[in-house]
Amino acid sequence: MVDERIYGLLGLCQRAGKLKSGEFSVEKSLKGHKSFLVIVPEDASDNTKKKFRNMTTYRDVPYFELGTKEKLGMQLGKSERSSLSIEDEGFAKAMIKYIDGGNVNVR
């Protein structure tokens, strides 16, 4: 299943110190031009989705809605997460390959 491979990559990315989670950290990652991919769970609020869609579009960073807040948090050993930023190009490309068949250009 596609989701499980992505969750595995998220765990590896976190252990490598290349994953930021939570709105403040993800926003800081985007504004600092460190983000290669942003993931927002499908059950995040419309305001959260709109905010990150706009920020990623402006900065030309791939954006996907995937999973649930609870599942994303659980996979990272944390509480619910409403946004994730991947700060490693290799991890970002691998995740996009599983999510979208690799049809998105990473900066």
C-alpha atoms as a PDB file:
ATOM      1  CA  MET A   1       0.000   0.000   0.000  1.00  0.00           C
ATOM      2  CA  VAL A   2       1.288   3.435  -0.960  1.00  0.00           C
ATOM      3  CA  ASP A   3       0.542   5.038   2.418  1.00  0.00           C
ATOM      4  CA  GLU A   4       2.682   2.583   4.376  1.00  0.00           C
ATOM      5  CA  ARG A   5       5.776   3.300   2.265  1.00  0.00           C
ATOM      6  CA  ILE A   6       5.277   7.023   2.746  1.00  0.00           C
ATOM      7  CA  TYR A   7       4.857   6.595   6.508  1.00  0.00           C
ATOM      8  CA  GLY A   8       8.077   4.563   6.553  1.00  0.00           C
ATOM      9  CA  LEU A   9       9.894   7.331   4.703  1.00  0.00           C
ATOM     10  CA  LEU A  10       8.476   9.925   7.110  1.00  0.00           C
ATOM     11  CA  GLY A  11       9.920   7.953  10.028  1.00  0.00           C
ATOM     12  CA  LEU A  12      13.340   7.744   8.359  1.00  0.00           C
ATOM     13  CA  CYS A  13      13.195  11.426   7.507  1.00  0.00           C
ATOM     14  CA  GLN A  14      12.394  12.295  11.116  1.00  0.00           C
ATOM     15  CA  ARG A  15      15.276  10.180  12.433  1.00  0.00           C
ATOM     16  CA  ALA A  16      17.585  11.956   9.967  1.00  0.00           C
ATOM     17  CA  GLY A  17      16.437  15.307  11.404  1.00  0.00           C
ATOM     18  CA  LYS A  18      14.977  16.433   8.074  1.00  0.00           C
ATOM     19  CA  LEU A  19      11.299  16.616   9.027  1.00  0.00           C
ATOM     20  CA  LYS A  20       9.516  19.543  10.655  1.00  0.00           C
ATOM     21  CA  SER A  21       5.992  19.188  12.001  1.00  0.00           C
ATOM     22  CA  GLY A  22       3.401  21.570  13.366  1.00  0.00           C
ATOM     23  CA  GLU A  23       2.213  24.795  11.805  1.00  0.00           C
ATOM     24  CA  PHE A  24       4.879  27.111  13.267  1.00  0.00           C
ATOM     25  CA  SER A  25       7.805  24.840  12.331  1.00  0.00           C
ATOM     26  CA  VAL A  26       6.486  24.157   8.829  1.00  0.00           C
ATOM     27  CA  GLU A  27       5.870  27.857   8.206  1.00  0.00           C
ATOM     28  CA  LYS A  28       9.417  28.654   9.380  1.00  0.00           C
ATOM     29  CA  SER A  29      10.795  25.892   7.130  1.00  0.00           C
ATOM     30  CA  LEU A  30       8.951  27.297   4.102  1.00  0.00           C
ATOM     31  CA  LYS A  31       9.942  30.901   4.777  1.00  0.00           C
ATOM     32  CA  GLY A  32      13.558  29.813   5.282  1.00  0.00           C
ATOM     33  CA  HIS A  33      13.533  28.088   1.860  1.00  0.00           C
ATOM     34  CA  LYS A  34      14.412  24.745   3.479  1.00  0.00           C
ATOM     35  CA  SER A  35      11.254  22.854   2.509  1.00  0.00           C
ATOM     36  CA  PHE A  36      11.166  20.485  -0.494  1.00  0.00           C
ATOM     37  CA  LEU A  37       7.689  19.079   0.212  1.00  0.00           C
ATOM     38  CA  VAL A  38       4.732  19.952   2.447  1.00  0.00           C
ATOM     39  CA  ILE A  39       2.162  17.382   3.543  1.00  0.00           C
ATOM     40  CA  VAL A  40      -1.109  18.392   5.202  1.00  0.00           C
ATOM     41  CA  PRO A  41      -3.528  15.712   6.427  1.00  0.00           C
ATOM     42  CA  GLU A  42      -6.876  15.412   4.661  1.00  0.00           C
ATOM     43  CA  ASP A  43      -8.733  16.147   7.913  1.00  0.00           C
ATOM     44  CA  ALA A  44      -6.882  19.413   8.617  1.00  0.00           C
ATOM     45  CA  SER A  45      -8.995  22.557   8.804  1.00  0.00           C
ATOM     46  CA  ASP A  46      -9.833  24.391   5.592  1.00  0.00           C
ATOM     47  CA  ASN A  47      -7.875  27.395   6.889  1.00  0.00           C
ATOM     48  CA  THR A  48      -4.750  25.275   7.436  1.00  0.00           C
ATOM     49  CA  LYS A  49      -5.032  23.730   3.973  1.00  0.00           C
ATOM     50  CA  LYS A  50      -5.548  27.123   2.328  1.00  0.00           C
ATOM     51  CA  LYS A  51      -2.665  28.692   4.248  1.00  0.00           C
ATOM     52  CA  PHE A  52      -0.150  26.038   3.233  1.00  0.00           C
ATOM     53  CA  ARG A  53      -1.488  25.705  -0.314  1.00  0.00           C
ATOM     54  CA  ASN A  54      -0.929  29.438  -0.776  1.00  0.00           C
ATOM     55  CA  MET A  55       2.518  29.394   0.858  1.00  0.00           C
ATOM     56  CA  THR A  56       3.728  26.418  -1.177  1.00  0.00           C
ATOM     57  CA  THR A  57       2.339  27.793  -4.441  1.00  0.00           C
ATOM     58  CA  TYR A  58       4.084  31.119  -3.837  1.00  0.00           C
ATOM     59  CA  ARG A  59       7.395  29.364  -3.073  1.00  0.00           C
ATOM     60  CA  ASP A  60       6.982  26.660  -5.751  1.00  0.00           C
ATOM     61  CA  VAL A  61       7.130  23.799  -3.223  1.00  0.00           C
ATOM     62  CA  PRO A  62       5.120  20.598  -3.862  1.00  0.00           C
ATOM     63  CA  TYR A  63       2.036  20.270  -1.623  1.00  0.00           C
ATOM     64  CA  PHE A  64      -0.055  17.166  -0.940  1.00  0.00           C
ATOM     65  CA  GLU A  65      -2.977  16.285   1.309  1.00  0.00           C
ATOM     66  CA  LEU A  66      -2.470  12.819   2.733  1.00  0.00           C
ATOM     67  CA  GLY A  67      -3.631  10.710   5.664  1.00  0.00           C
ATOM     68  CA  THR A  68      -5.113  11.998   8.908  1.00  0.00           C
ATOM     69  CA  LYS A  69      -3.746  14.172  11.707  1.00  0.00           C
ATOM     70  CA  GLU A  70      -3.908  11.245  14.104  1.00  0.00           C
ATOM     71  CA  LYS A  71      -2.143   8.786  11.778  1.00  0.00           C
ATOM     72  CA  LEU A  72       0.626  11.241  10.847  1.00  0.00           C
ATOM     73  CA  GLY A  73       1.247  12.041  14.507  1.00  0.00           C
ATOM     74  CA  MET A  74       1.139   8.389  15.514  1.00  0.00           C
ATOM     75  CA  GLN A  75       3.689   7.444  12.838  1.00  0.00           C
ATOM     76  CA  LEU A  76       6.052  10.087  14.221  1.00  0.00           C
ATOM     77  CA  GLY A  77       5.477   9.132  17.854  1.00  0.00           C
ATOM     78  CA  LYS A  78       3.824  12.478  18.566  1.00  0.00           C
ATOM     79  CA  SER A  79       0.370  13.930  19.088  1.00  0.00           C
ATOM     80  CA  GLU A  80      -1.800  14.864  16.084  1.00  0.00           C
ATOM     81  CA  ARG A  81       0.078  16.737  13.365  1.00  0.00           C
ATOM     82  CA  SER A  82      -1.630  19.238  11.053  1.00  0.00           C
ATOM     83  CA  SER A  83       1.338  19.847   8.741  1.00  0.00           C
ATOM     84  CA  LEU A  84       4.714  18.375   7.821  1.00  0.00           C
ATOM     85  CA  SER A  85       7.693  19.816   5.952  1.00  0.00           C
ATOM     86  CA  ILE A  86      10.349  17.608   4.365  1.00  0.00           C
ATOM     87  CA  GLU A  87      13.728  19.376   4.354  1.00  0.00           C
ATOM     88  CA  ASP A  88      15.641  16.811   2.290  1.00  0.00           C
ATOM     89  CA  GLU A  89      15.416  16.653  -1.493  1.00  0.00           C
ATOM     90  CA  GLY A  90      15.994  12.894  -1.674  1.00  0.00           C
ATOM     91  CA  PHE A  91      13.256  12.070   0.821  1.00  0.00           C
ATOM     92  CA  ALA A  92      10.915  14.554  -0.883  1.00  0.00           C
ATOM     93  CA  LYS A  93      11.473  13.001  -4.321  1.00  0.00           C
ATOM     94  CA  ALA A  94      10.954   9.470  -2.959  1.00  0.00           C
ATOM     95  CA  MET A  95       7.682  10.459  -1.261  1.00  0.00           C
ATOM     96  CA  ILE A  96       6.397  12.276  -4.340  1.00  0.00           C
ATOM     97  CA  LYS A  97       7.185   9.158  -6.395  1.00  0.00           C
ATOM     98  CA  TYR A  98       4.875   7.113  -4.159  1.00  0.00           C
ATOM     99  CA  ILE A  99       2.183   9.788  -3.830  1.00  0.00           C
ATOM    100  CA  ASP A 100       1.944  11.045  -7.389  1.00  0.00           C
ATOM    101  CA  GLY A 101       4.025   8.702  -9.530  1.00  0.00           C
ATOM    102  CA  GLY A 102       6.829  11.276  -9.561  1.00  0.00           C
ATOM    103  CA  ASN A 103       4.896  13.809 -11.633  1.00  0.00           C
ATOM    104  CA  VAL A 104       6.009  16.848  -9.640  1.00  0.00           C
ATOM    105  CA  ASN A 105       9.279  18.735 -10.023  1.00  0.00           C
ATOM    106  CA  VAL A 106      11.149  19.348  -6.792  1.00  0.00           C
ATOM    107  CA  ARG A 107      12.949  22.680  -6.957  1.00  0.00           C
END
